[in-house]
Each structure stands twice: as structure tokens, then as C-alpha cells.
Amino acid sequence: IRLENYDDAVKKLAPLVTKKSNVKLQVRLSYIRALLCSGKPEQALELFREIEPTIKKNRRTTDFYSAWVYLALYSNDPVVRETYGLKLVNNTGLPRGVNRLRPEIFRMLAFHAMDKGQPAKAGEFLASAAEASDDDRFKKVVENQQTCLEKLNKPAPPLAAASWLNGNPTAANGLKGKCVAVLFWAPWSDPGK
């Protein structure tokens, strides 16, 4: 079965999932992957949780680890994303193709920690993401995110402007207690010209 069209794959694999076969596990993992790729993560998770304890994990069970990746990155449930993300980053025996995704999984876990109000943990995950990656562009993105994270809950830096749309220039401390909208424009953008 070719899995380019995942909806068709789901229809073709569904009846095979319950049949007794020496490739039943592989069929179930392919079915889970097709469900995940066709936007049915809850259905995939239910079947995956059923078979997960029975799978012998090794570097050849790529579909198994791929299911972890899909659940970590694409599940609608943040608890599921965190659970499988942590399984991935804490596992040292991942296949090479899956292991290559560890930096992105660490980054996803950092966002999840931020959503939970855990900036220190988010910082640890971002540091791990940078350390696990050998891509300089990815490291730069993570470095920028770490910089933003360090500024979280800190006072805004001093702000001074040569001109204001609605009055004379003033320092930021003169705006305390007032509602202020600040828009930054790049010099090459239309409003910045």
C-alpha cells in the first residue's frame, strides 16, 4: 500500500488491522501513521497505546519511533505532546532519522513549558535544543528565543523617540500609568519611509 494518500491508506489498512497475520504489528504501525498523517491523532493514539507495551524497541522499529514523533509534534493534546516528547529526548537508542529531530522536540518542549508558566524549564529545554543541533541557523533561532525568554517578566528597556505621532517626545517613565501603543517599523517598510 502506498501511503502518499493517507485517507486512502486509512481506508485500505482499517480492515487489515484486526486480521491475524505475521505482519500484523507492521500493519498496525502503518495504520497509526496513516491516521496521524490524515489528521486523526486521537484515533491513532488509542490504537498506539494498545500496542505500545508489546513492541520490542530497537533501532529497526522506525515506525514505532515515528509514531512517537508524530504524537509529540502534532497531537492536539498538550499532555500527549509532552509525554511523547519527553520519551523521545530521554531515549538514547533512537534510529538516526528520528534522533535528528531531537533538537526540534526539545524546542517544542520549551514552548510547552512556557505555556505551563515554567520559564526556567523552558530555558533548559532551549539550551538542550541548541546543544543537540549541528545546524547553525537552528542554533541562531534558539539563541534568539533564549534571549527573549531571559527578558520575560523584566522591566522594559528605556524607550526614547525623536518624535511621537500625538505630541512632543517624552521618556518612557513619563508614560507610566497611561495606555501606550508602540509600533516599530523597519526603515525600508512603507510606514518607515
N, C-alpha and C. Protein backbone atom coordinates (compact mmCIF):
# COMPACT_ATOMS: atom_id res chain seq x y z
N ILE A 1 0.86 -1.18 0.00
CA ILE A 1 0.00 0.00 0.00
C ILE A 1 0.89 1.23 0.00
N ARG A 2 0.65 2.09 -0.94
CA ARG A 2 1.41 3.34 -1.00
C ARG A 2 0.73 4.34 -0.06
N LEU A 3 1.53 5.03 0.72
CA LEU A 3 0.96 5.92 1.73
C LEU A 3 1.00 7.39 1.33
N GLU A 4 1.12 7.69 0.01
CA GLU A 4 1.10 9.10 -0.39
C GLU A 4 -0.25 9.74 -0.09
N ASN A 5 -1.32 8.97 -0.27
CA ASN A 5 -2.65 9.48 0.02
C ASN A 5 -3.12 8.81 1.32
N TYR A 6 -2.97 9.52 2.41
CA TYR A 6 -3.21 8.93 3.72
C TYR A 6 -4.67 8.56 3.98
N ASP A 7 -5.61 9.33 3.43
CA ASP A 7 -7.01 8.97 3.63
C ASP A 7 -7.32 7.63 2.98
N ASP A 8 -6.79 7.41 1.76
CA ASP A 8 -6.98 6.12 1.11
C ASP A 8 -6.28 5.01 1.89
N ALA A 9 -5.11 5.31 2.40
CA ALA A 9 -4.37 4.32 3.19
C ALA A 9 -5.16 3.92 4.43
N VAL A 10 -5.79 4.89 5.08
CA VAL A 10 -6.60 4.58 6.27
C VAL A 10 -7.71 3.61 5.89
N LYS A 11 -8.38 3.88 4.78
CA LYS A 11 -9.49 3.00 4.33
C LYS A 11 -8.99 1.60 4.00
N LYS A 12 -7.82 1.51 3.35
CA LYS A 12 -7.29 0.20 2.96
C LYS A 12 -6.70 -0.58 4.13
N LEU A 13 -6.11 0.13 5.07
CA LEU A 13 -5.48 -0.55 6.20
C LEU A 13 -6.46 -0.94 7.30
N ALA A 14 -7.56 -0.20 7.44
CA ALA A 14 -8.50 -0.44 8.54
C ALA A 14 -8.94 -1.90 8.64
N PRO A 15 -9.37 -2.54 7.55
CA PRO A 15 -9.79 -3.94 7.70
C PRO A 15 -8.63 -4.90 7.99
N LEU A 16 -7.41 -4.52 7.65
CA LEU A 16 -6.26 -5.39 7.86
C LEU A 16 -5.76 -5.37 9.31
N VAL A 17 -6.11 -4.34 10.06
CA VAL A 17 -5.61 -4.16 11.42
C VAL A 17 -6.03 -5.28 12.34
N THR A 18 -7.22 -5.83 12.13
CA THR A 18 -7.74 -6.86 13.04
C THR A 18 -7.45 -8.29 12.56
N LYS A 19 -6.97 -8.44 11.32
CA LYS A 19 -6.69 -9.78 10.80
C LYS A 19 -5.44 -10.35 11.44
N LYS A 20 -5.47 -11.68 11.65
CA LYS A 20 -4.27 -12.35 12.16
C LYS A 20 -3.28 -12.49 11.01
N SER A 21 -2.04 -12.09 11.32
CA SER A 21 -1.02 -12.10 10.29
C SER A 21 0.34 -12.02 10.95
N ASN A 22 1.36 -12.49 10.23
CA ASN A 22 2.71 -12.38 10.78
C ASN A 22 3.26 -10.96 10.63
N VAL A 23 2.52 -10.10 9.95
CA VAL A 23 2.92 -8.70 9.81
C VAL A 23 1.90 -7.76 10.46
N LYS A 24 1.11 -8.30 11.38
CA LYS A 24 0.04 -7.52 12.00
C LYS A 24 0.58 -6.26 12.68
N LEU A 25 1.70 -6.38 13.39
CA LEU A 25 2.27 -5.22 14.07
C LEU A 25 2.66 -4.14 13.06
N GLN A 26 3.31 -4.55 11.97
CA GLN A 26 3.71 -3.58 10.95
C GLN A 26 2.48 -2.91 10.32
N VAL A 27 1.44 -3.68 10.08
CA VAL A 27 0.19 -3.12 9.53
C VAL A 27 -0.40 -2.10 10.51
N ARG A 28 -0.41 -2.46 11.79
CA ARG A 28 -0.96 -1.53 12.79
C ARG A 28 -0.14 -0.24 12.88
N LEU A 29 1.18 -0.36 12.84
CA LEU A 29 2.01 0.84 12.87
C LEU A 29 1.82 1.70 11.62
N SER A 30 1.67 1.05 10.47
CA SER A 30 1.40 1.80 9.23
C SER A 30 0.03 2.47 9.31
N TYR A 31 -0.92 1.78 9.90
CA TYR A 31 -2.27 2.34 10.07
C TYR A 31 -2.22 3.55 11.02
N ILE A 32 -1.47 3.43 12.09
CA ILE A 32 -1.31 4.55 13.03
C ILE A 32 -0.69 5.75 12.31
N ARG A 33 0.35 5.49 11.54
CA ARG A 33 0.99 6.58 10.80
C ARG A 33 0.01 7.23 9.82
N ALA A 34 -0.77 6.42 9.12
CA ALA A 34 -1.76 6.96 8.18
C ALA A 34 -2.82 7.79 8.93
N LEU A 35 -3.26 7.31 10.09
CA LEU A 35 -4.23 8.06 10.89
C LEU A 35 -3.65 9.40 11.33
N LEU A 36 -2.41 9.38 11.79
CA LEU A 36 -1.76 10.62 12.23
C LEU A 36 -1.63 11.60 11.08
N CYS A 37 -1.21 11.10 9.93
CA CYS A 37 -0.99 11.97 8.77
C CYS A 37 -2.29 12.45 8.13
N SER A 38 -3.38 11.76 8.40
CA SER A 38 -4.66 12.20 7.85
C SER A 38 -5.46 13.00 8.87
N GLY A 39 -4.81 13.43 9.94
CA GLY A 39 -5.46 14.32 10.90
C GLY A 39 -6.38 13.64 11.90
N LYS A 40 -6.07 12.41 12.25
CA LYS A 40 -6.89 11.68 13.23
C LYS A 40 -6.02 11.22 14.40
N PRO A 41 -5.39 12.17 15.12
CA PRO A 41 -4.45 11.78 16.17
C PRO A 41 -5.08 11.04 17.35
N GLU A 42 -6.32 11.35 17.68
CA GLU A 42 -6.95 10.69 18.83
C GLU A 42 -7.15 9.21 18.55
N GLN A 43 -7.61 8.89 17.34
CA GLN A 43 -7.82 7.50 16.94
C GLN A 43 -6.47 6.77 16.90
N ALA A 44 -5.45 7.43 16.38
CA ALA A 44 -4.12 6.83 16.32
C ALA A 44 -3.58 6.57 17.72
N LEU A 45 -3.76 7.54 18.61
CA LEU A 45 -3.25 7.41 19.98
C LEU A 45 -3.90 6.24 20.69
N GLU A 46 -5.19 6.06 20.50
CA GLU A 46 -5.89 4.95 21.15
C GLU A 46 -5.28 3.60 20.73
N LEU A 47 -5.08 3.41 19.44
CA LEU A 47 -4.50 2.15 18.96
C LEU A 47 -3.04 2.04 19.39
N PHE A 48 -2.31 3.14 19.32
CA PHE A 48 -0.89 3.10 19.68
C PHE A 48 -0.71 2.73 21.14
N ARG A 49 -1.53 3.28 22.01
CA ARG A 49 -1.42 2.95 23.45
C ARG A 49 -1.72 1.48 23.69
N GLU A 50 -2.56 0.91 22.85
CA GLU A 50 -2.91 -0.50 22.98
C GLU A 50 -1.71 -1.40 22.62
N ILE A 51 -0.97 -1.03 21.58
CA ILE A 51 0.12 -1.91 21.14
C ILE A 51 1.50 -1.49 21.65
N GLU A 52 1.63 -0.27 22.15
CA GLU A 52 2.94 0.24 22.57
C GLU A 52 3.67 -0.69 23.55
N PRO A 53 3.00 -1.20 24.59
CA PRO A 53 3.73 -2.04 25.55
C PRO A 53 4.25 -3.36 24.96
N THR A 54 3.68 -3.79 23.84
CA THR A 54 4.07 -5.08 23.28
C THR A 54 5.21 -4.98 22.27
N ILE A 55 5.61 -3.78 21.92
CA ILE A 55 6.61 -3.60 20.87
C ILE A 55 8.01 -3.66 21.46
N LYS A 56 8.84 -4.50 20.86
CA LYS A 56 10.24 -4.55 21.25
C LYS A 56 10.93 -3.37 20.58
N LYS A 57 11.46 -2.48 21.40
CA LYS A 57 12.05 -1.25 20.87
C LYS A 57 13.51 -1.47 20.53
N ASN A 58 13.84 -1.18 19.27
CA ASN A 58 15.23 -1.19 18.83
C ASN A 58 15.35 -0.23 17.66
N ARG A 59 16.53 -0.10 17.14
CA ARG A 59 16.75 0.87 16.07
C ARG A 59 16.00 0.52 14.78
N ARG A 60 15.50 -0.68 14.66
CA ARG A 60 14.78 -1.06 13.45
C ARG A 60 13.29 -0.77 13.53
N THR A 61 12.78 -0.45 14.69
CA THR A 61 11.35 -0.17 14.82
C THR A 61 11.09 1.31 14.53
N THR A 62 11.44 1.72 13.33
CA THR A 62 11.34 3.12 12.92
C THR A 62 9.91 3.63 12.97
N ASP A 63 8.94 2.83 12.51
CA ASP A 63 7.55 3.28 12.54
C ASP A 63 7.08 3.54 13.97
N PHE A 64 7.58 2.73 14.90
CA PHE A 64 7.23 2.93 16.31
C PHE A 64 7.70 4.30 16.78
N TYR A 65 8.98 4.61 16.52
CA TYR A 65 9.51 5.90 16.93
C TYR A 65 8.91 7.04 16.12
N SER A 66 8.57 6.78 14.88
CA SER A 66 7.90 7.80 14.08
C SER A 66 6.56 8.16 14.70
N ALA A 67 5.87 7.16 15.25
CA ALA A 67 4.60 7.44 15.94
C ALA A 67 4.85 8.34 17.14
N TRP A 68 5.92 8.08 17.88
CA TRP A 68 6.27 8.98 19.00
C TRP A 68 6.46 10.40 18.49
N VAL A 69 7.19 10.54 17.38
CA VAL A 69 7.44 11.88 16.82
C VAL A 69 6.14 12.56 16.44
N TYR A 70 5.29 11.86 15.70
CA TYR A 70 4.02 12.45 15.29
C TYR A 70 3.19 12.86 16.50
N LEU A 71 3.14 12.00 17.51
CA LEU A 71 2.36 12.33 18.71
C LEU A 71 2.98 13.50 19.46
N ALA A 72 4.30 13.57 19.50
CA ALA A 72 4.98 14.66 20.19
C ALA A 72 4.77 15.99 19.48
N LEU A 73 4.78 15.98 18.18
CA LEU A 73 4.72 17.24 17.43
C LEU A 73 3.32 17.65 16.99
N TYR A 74 2.44 16.68 16.77
CA TYR A 74 1.17 17.03 16.12
C TYR A 74 -0.09 16.70 16.90
N SER A 75 0.03 16.09 18.05
CA SER A 75 -1.18 15.79 18.82
C SER A 75 -1.87 17.09 19.23
N ASN A 76 -3.18 17.05 19.30
CA ASN A 76 -3.95 18.21 19.77
C ASN A 76 -3.88 18.36 21.28
N ASP A 77 -3.48 17.30 21.96
CA ASP A 77 -3.45 17.28 23.42
C ASP A 77 -2.04 17.63 23.92
N PRO A 78 -1.89 18.75 24.63
CA PRO A 78 -0.56 19.14 25.10
C PRO A 78 0.09 18.11 26.04
N VAL A 79 -0.71 17.38 26.79
CA VAL A 79 -0.15 16.35 27.68
C VAL A 79 0.46 15.22 26.85
N VAL A 80 -0.21 14.85 25.77
CA VAL A 80 0.32 13.81 24.88
C VAL A 80 1.61 14.30 24.22
N ARG A 81 1.60 15.55 23.75
CA ARG A 81 2.82 16.11 23.14
C ARG A 81 3.99 16.07 24.12
N GLU A 82 3.73 16.47 25.36
CA GLU A 82 4.79 16.47 26.36
C GLU A 82 5.25 15.05 26.68
N THR A 83 4.31 14.14 26.87
CA THR A 83 4.64 12.76 27.22
C THR A 83 5.55 12.12 26.18
N TYR A 84 5.15 12.22 24.91
CA TYR A 84 5.94 11.58 23.87
C TYR A 84 7.20 12.38 23.53
N GLY A 85 7.14 13.68 23.70
CA GLY A 85 8.35 14.49 23.53
C GLY A 85 9.42 14.09 24.53
N LEU A 86 9.01 13.92 25.79
CA LEU A 86 9.96 13.51 26.83
C LEU A 86 10.49 12.11 26.58
N LYS A 87 9.62 11.21 26.10
CA LYS A 87 10.09 9.86 25.77
C LYS A 87 11.19 9.92 24.71
N LEU A 88 10.99 10.79 23.72
CA LEU A 88 11.97 10.90 22.64
C LEU A 88 13.30 11.47 23.12
N VAL A 89 13.25 12.56 23.86
CA VAL A 89 14.51 13.20 24.25
C VAL A 89 15.25 12.41 25.33
N ASN A 90 14.54 11.57 26.06
CA ASN A 90 15.18 10.79 27.11
C ASN A 90 15.63 9.41 26.63
N ASN A 91 15.39 9.09 25.37
CA ASN A 91 15.74 7.78 24.82
C ASN A 91 17.06 7.89 24.06
N THR A 92 18.01 7.07 24.41
CA THR A 92 19.31 7.14 23.74
C THR A 92 19.43 6.19 22.56
N GLY A 93 18.49 5.30 22.38
CA GLY A 93 18.59 4.30 21.31
C GLY A 93 17.72 4.61 20.11
N LEU A 94 17.59 5.86 19.75
CA LEU A 94 16.72 6.23 18.63
C LEU A 94 17.38 5.95 17.28
N PRO A 95 16.58 5.58 16.28
CA PRO A 95 17.14 5.48 14.94
C PRO A 95 17.66 6.85 14.49
N ARG A 96 18.64 6.85 13.59
CA ARG A 96 19.29 8.09 13.17
C ARG A 96 18.29 9.13 12.65
N GLY A 97 17.33 8.70 11.82
CA GLY A 97 16.36 9.63 11.26
C GLY A 97 15.50 10.29 12.32
N VAL A 98 15.18 9.56 13.37
CA VAL A 98 14.38 10.10 14.47
C VAL A 98 15.26 10.95 15.38
N ASN A 99 16.45 10.50 15.64
CA ASN A 99 17.37 11.22 16.52
C ASN A 99 17.67 12.63 15.99
N ARG A 100 17.67 12.76 14.68
CA ARG A 100 17.92 14.05 14.04
C ARG A 100 16.86 15.09 14.42
N LEU A 101 15.69 14.64 14.88
CA LEU A 101 14.59 15.54 15.25
C LEU A 101 14.64 15.97 16.71
N ARG A 102 15.57 15.44 17.49
CA ARG A 102 15.65 15.78 18.92
C ARG A 102 15.73 17.27 19.19
N PRO A 103 16.52 18.06 18.44
CA PRO A 103 16.55 19.50 18.73
C PRO A 103 15.16 20.15 18.60
N GLU A 104 14.42 19.76 17.59
CA GLU A 104 13.06 20.33 17.41
C GLU A 104 12.12 19.86 18.51
N ILE A 105 12.29 18.64 18.97
CA ILE A 105 11.47 18.13 20.08
C ILE A 105 11.79 18.92 21.35
N PHE A 106 13.08 19.15 21.62
CA PHE A 106 13.45 19.97 22.79
C PHE A 106 12.81 21.35 22.69
N ARG A 107 12.81 21.92 21.50
CA ARG A 107 12.22 23.26 21.30
C ARG A 107 10.71 23.24 21.55
N MET A 108 10.05 22.20 21.07
CA MET A 108 8.61 22.05 21.32
C MET A 108 8.35 21.93 22.82
N LEU A 109 9.18 21.19 23.52
CA LEU A 109 9.03 21.04 24.97
C LEU A 109 9.24 22.38 25.68
N ALA A 110 10.13 23.21 25.14
CA ALA A 110 10.34 24.55 25.71
C ALA A 110 9.07 25.38 25.58
N PHE A 111 8.44 25.34 24.42
CA PHE A 111 7.18 26.08 24.23
C PHE A 111 6.11 25.56 25.17
N HIS A 112 6.07 24.26 25.34
CA HIS A 112 5.08 23.66 26.25
C HIS A 112 5.34 24.11 27.69
N ALA A 113 6.61 24.16 28.09
CA ALA A 113 6.95 24.63 29.44
C ALA A 113 6.53 26.08 29.62
N MET A 114 6.72 26.89 28.59
CA MET A 114 6.29 28.30 28.66
C MET A 114 4.78 28.38 28.84
N ASP A 115 4.04 27.56 28.09
CA ASP A 115 2.58 27.54 28.21
C ASP A 115 2.15 27.16 29.63
N LYS A 116 2.97 26.35 30.29
CA LYS A 116 2.66 25.92 31.66
C LYS A 116 3.19 26.91 32.70
N GLY A 117 3.82 28.01 32.24
CA GLY A 117 4.34 29.00 33.17
C GLY A 117 5.63 28.56 33.85
N GLN A 118 6.45 27.81 33.13
CA GLN A 118 7.72 27.30 33.67
C GLN A 118 8.89 27.82 32.83
N PRO A 119 9.20 29.13 32.94
CA PRO A 119 10.26 29.68 32.09
C PRO A 119 11.64 29.07 32.35
N ALA A 120 11.95 28.68 33.58
CA ALA A 120 13.27 28.08 33.86
C ALA A 120 13.41 26.75 33.12
N LYS A 121 12.36 25.96 33.16
CA LYS A 121 12.37 24.67 32.45
C LYS A 121 12.44 24.90 30.95
N ALA A 122 11.73 25.92 30.47
CA ALA A 122 11.78 26.26 29.05
C ALA A 122 13.22 26.61 28.65
N GLY A 123 13.90 27.35 29.49
CA GLY A 123 15.30 27.71 29.22
C GLY A 123 16.20 26.48 29.14
N GLU A 124 15.96 25.51 30.02
CA GLU A 124 16.74 24.27 29.99
C GLU A 124 16.51 23.52 28.68
N PHE A 125 15.24 23.45 28.26
CA PHE A 125 14.93 22.76 27.01
C PHE A 125 15.55 23.48 25.80
N LEU A 126 15.52 24.80 25.81
CA LEU A 126 16.13 25.55 24.70
C LEU A 126 17.64 25.32 24.67
N ALA A 127 18.27 25.31 25.84
CA ALA A 127 19.71 25.04 25.89
C ALA A 127 20.01 23.63 25.34
N SER A 128 19.17 22.67 25.68
CA SER A 128 19.35 21.30 25.17
C SER A 128 19.13 21.25 23.67
N ALA A 129 18.17 22.03 23.17
CA ALA A 129 17.91 22.07 21.73
C ALA A 129 19.13 22.58 20.98
N ALA A 130 19.72 23.64 21.48
CA ALA A 130 20.91 24.21 20.84
C ALA A 130 22.08 23.22 20.90
N GLU A 131 22.24 22.57 22.03
CA GLU A 131 23.34 21.62 22.20
C GLU A 131 23.17 20.39 21.30
N ALA A 132 21.93 19.97 21.08
CA ALA A 132 21.67 18.76 20.29
C ALA A 132 21.74 19.00 18.79
N SER A 133 21.74 20.25 18.38
CA SER A 133 21.71 20.57 16.95
C SER A 133 23.10 20.86 16.40
N ASP A 134 23.28 20.50 15.13
CA ASP A 134 24.52 20.88 14.45
C ASP A 134 24.22 21.86 13.31
N ASP A 135 22.99 22.38 13.30
CA ASP A 135 22.55 23.34 12.28
C ASP A 135 22.71 24.76 12.85
N ASP A 136 23.61 25.54 12.26
CA ASP A 136 23.88 26.89 12.78
C ASP A 136 22.66 27.80 12.71
N ARG A 137 21.84 27.66 11.66
CA ARG A 137 20.63 28.50 11.56
C ARG A 137 19.65 28.17 12.69
N PHE A 138 19.47 26.88 12.95
CA PHE A 138 18.58 26.46 14.03
C PHE A 138 19.10 26.98 15.36
N LYS A 139 20.42 26.87 15.57
CA LYS A 139 21.01 27.36 16.82
C LYS A 139 20.77 28.85 16.99
N LYS A 140 20.83 29.61 15.90
CA LYS A 140 20.61 31.06 15.96
C LYS A 140 19.16 31.35 16.37
N VAL A 141 18.21 30.59 15.80
CA VAL A 141 16.80 30.76 16.17
C VAL A 141 16.61 30.47 17.65
N VAL A 142 17.20 29.39 18.12
CA VAL A 142 17.08 29.02 19.54
C VAL A 142 17.74 30.07 20.42
N GLU A 143 18.87 30.57 19.99
CA GLU A 143 19.57 31.62 20.75
C GLU A 143 18.68 32.87 20.87
N ASN A 144 18.00 33.24 19.80
CA ASN A 144 17.07 34.38 19.84
C ASN A 144 15.92 34.10 20.80
N GLN A 145 15.43 32.87 20.79
CA GLN A 145 14.34 32.52 21.71
C GLN A 145 14.81 32.55 23.16
N GLN A 146 16.06 32.13 23.39
CA GLN A 146 16.62 32.19 24.74
C GLN A 146 16.74 33.65 25.20
N THR A 147 17.15 34.53 24.30
CA THR A 147 17.26 35.96 24.63
C THR A 147 15.89 36.52 25.00
N CYS A 148 14.88 36.18 24.22
CA CYS A 148 13.52 36.65 24.53
C CYS A 148 13.06 36.10 25.88
N LEU A 149 13.36 34.84 26.14
CA LEU A 149 12.97 34.21 27.39
C LEU A 149 13.62 34.90 28.59
N GLU A 150 14.88 35.31 28.43
CA GLU A 150 15.58 36.00 29.52
C GLU A 150 14.95 37.35 29.83
N LYS A 151 14.29 37.95 28.87
CA LYS A 151 13.67 39.26 29.07
C LYS A 151 12.26 39.16 29.64
N LEU A 152 11.73 37.96 29.70
CA LEU A 152 10.38 37.75 30.19
C LEU A 152 10.24 38.21 31.64
N ASN A 153 9.19 38.93 31.92
CA ASN A 153 8.88 39.45 33.26
C ASN A 153 9.91 40.44 33.79
N LYS A 154 10.69 41.01 32.91
CA LYS A 154 11.65 42.04 33.29
C LYS A 154 11.10 43.38 32.82
N PRO A 155 11.49 44.47 33.47
CA PRO A 155 11.02 45.79 33.02
C PRO A 155 11.50 46.07 31.59
N ALA A 156 10.69 46.81 30.87
CA ALA A 156 11.06 47.18 29.50
C ALA A 156 12.30 48.07 29.54
N PRO A 157 13.13 47.96 28.52
CA PRO A 157 14.30 48.84 28.47
C PRO A 157 13.85 50.29 28.26
N PRO A 158 14.71 51.25 28.58
CA PRO A 158 14.34 52.66 28.37
C PRO A 158 13.98 52.89 26.90
N LEU A 159 12.97 53.71 26.71
CA LEU A 159 12.49 54.00 25.36
C LEU A 159 12.46 55.50 25.16
N ALA A 160 13.17 55.95 24.18
CA ALA A 160 13.14 57.37 23.84
C ALA A 160 12.94 57.48 22.34
N ALA A 161 12.20 58.48 21.91
CA ALA A 161 11.93 58.66 20.49
C ALA A 161 12.12 60.12 20.12
N ALA A 162 12.58 60.34 18.91
CA ALA A 162 12.78 61.71 18.43
C ALA A 162 11.44 62.39 18.18
N SER A 163 10.45 61.61 17.80
CA SER A 163 9.12 62.20 17.57
C SER A 163 8.04 61.19 17.92
N TRP A 164 6.88 61.74 18.27
CA TRP A 164 5.71 60.94 18.61
C TRP A 164 4.58 61.42 17.71
N LEU A 165 3.68 60.54 17.37
CA LEU A 165 2.58 60.92 16.49
C LEU A 165 1.62 61.92 17.15
N ASN A 166 1.46 61.80 18.44
CA ASN A 166 0.45 62.62 19.11
C ASN A 166 1.02 63.61 20.11
N GLY A 167 2.23 64.05 19.94
CA GLY A 167 2.75 65.04 20.88
C GLY A 167 4.25 65.14 20.86
N ASN A 168 4.74 65.79 21.87
CA ASN A 168 6.18 66.02 21.99
C ASN A 168 6.89 64.77 22.49
N PRO A 169 8.16 64.64 22.15
CA PRO A 169 8.93 63.49 22.65
C PRO A 169 8.93 63.46 24.17
N THR A 170 8.89 62.28 24.72
CA THR A 170 8.94 62.09 26.16
C THR A 170 9.65 60.79 26.47
N ALA A 171 10.16 60.67 27.64
CA ALA A 171 10.81 59.43 28.06
C ALA A 171 9.74 58.44 28.50
N ALA A 172 10.08 57.15 28.48
CA ALA A 172 9.11 56.11 28.83
C ALA A 172 8.57 56.28 30.24
N ASN A 173 9.41 56.77 31.18
CA ASN A 173 8.92 56.91 32.56
C ASN A 173 7.83 57.96 32.67
N GLY A 174 7.74 58.87 31.70
CA GLY A 174 6.66 59.86 31.69
C GLY A 174 5.34 59.27 31.21
N LEU A 175 5.37 58.05 30.73
CA LEU A 175 4.17 57.38 30.22
C LEU A 175 3.57 56.41 31.23
N LYS A 176 4.19 56.29 32.39
CA LYS A 176 3.74 55.32 33.39
C LYS A 176 2.28 55.56 33.74
N GLY A 177 1.49 54.48 33.73
CA GLY A 177 0.08 54.56 34.06
C GLY A 177 -0.81 54.91 32.88
N LYS A 178 -0.23 55.18 31.73
CA LYS A 178 -1.00 55.53 30.54
C LYS A 178 -1.01 54.34 29.58
N CYS A 179 -2.05 54.29 28.78
CA CYS A 179 -2.14 53.26 27.75
C CYS A 179 -1.35 53.75 26.54
N VAL A 180 -0.37 52.96 26.13
CA VAL A 180 0.52 53.37 25.05
C VAL A 180 0.66 52.23 24.05
N ALA A 181 0.49 52.56 22.78
CA ALA A 181 0.75 51.59 21.71
C ALA A 181 2.05 52.00 21.04
N VAL A 182 2.97 51.07 20.97
CA VAL A 182 4.26 51.34 20.35
C VAL A 182 4.40 50.43 19.14
N LEU A 183 4.58 51.03 17.98
CA LEU A 183 4.77 50.28 16.75
C LEU A 183 6.18 50.55 16.24
N PHE A 184 6.90 49.49 15.94
CA PHE A 184 8.25 49.63 15.41
C PHE A 184 8.21 49.29 13.93
N TRP A 185 8.79 50.15 13.13
CA TRP A 185 8.82 49.94 11.68
C TRP A 185 10.27 49.89 11.22
N ALA A 186 10.53 49.00 10.30
CA ALA A 186 11.86 48.94 9.69
C ALA A 186 12.00 50.11 8.72
N PRO A 187 13.19 50.65 8.58
CA PRO A 187 13.38 51.81 7.69
C PRO A 187 12.95 51.56 6.25
N TRP A 188 12.99 50.30 5.79
CA TRP A 188 12.64 50.02 4.40
C TRP A 188 11.16 49.74 4.20
N SER A 189 10.38 49.63 5.29
CA SER A 189 8.94 49.38 5.14
C SER A 189 8.23 50.68 4.75
N ASP A 190 7.03 50.55 4.17
CA ASP A 190 6.30 51.74 3.72
C ASP A 190 6.08 52.75 4.84
N PRO A 191 5.59 52.34 6.02
CA PRO A 191 5.41 53.34 7.08
C PRO A 191 6.73 53.93 7.59
N GLY A 192 7.84 53.19 7.45
CA GLY A 192 9.12 53.67 7.94
C GLY A 192 9.82 54.62 7.01
N LYS A 193 9.30 54.75 5.79
CA LYS A 193 9.97 55.63 4.79
C LYS A 193 9.66 57.08 5.01
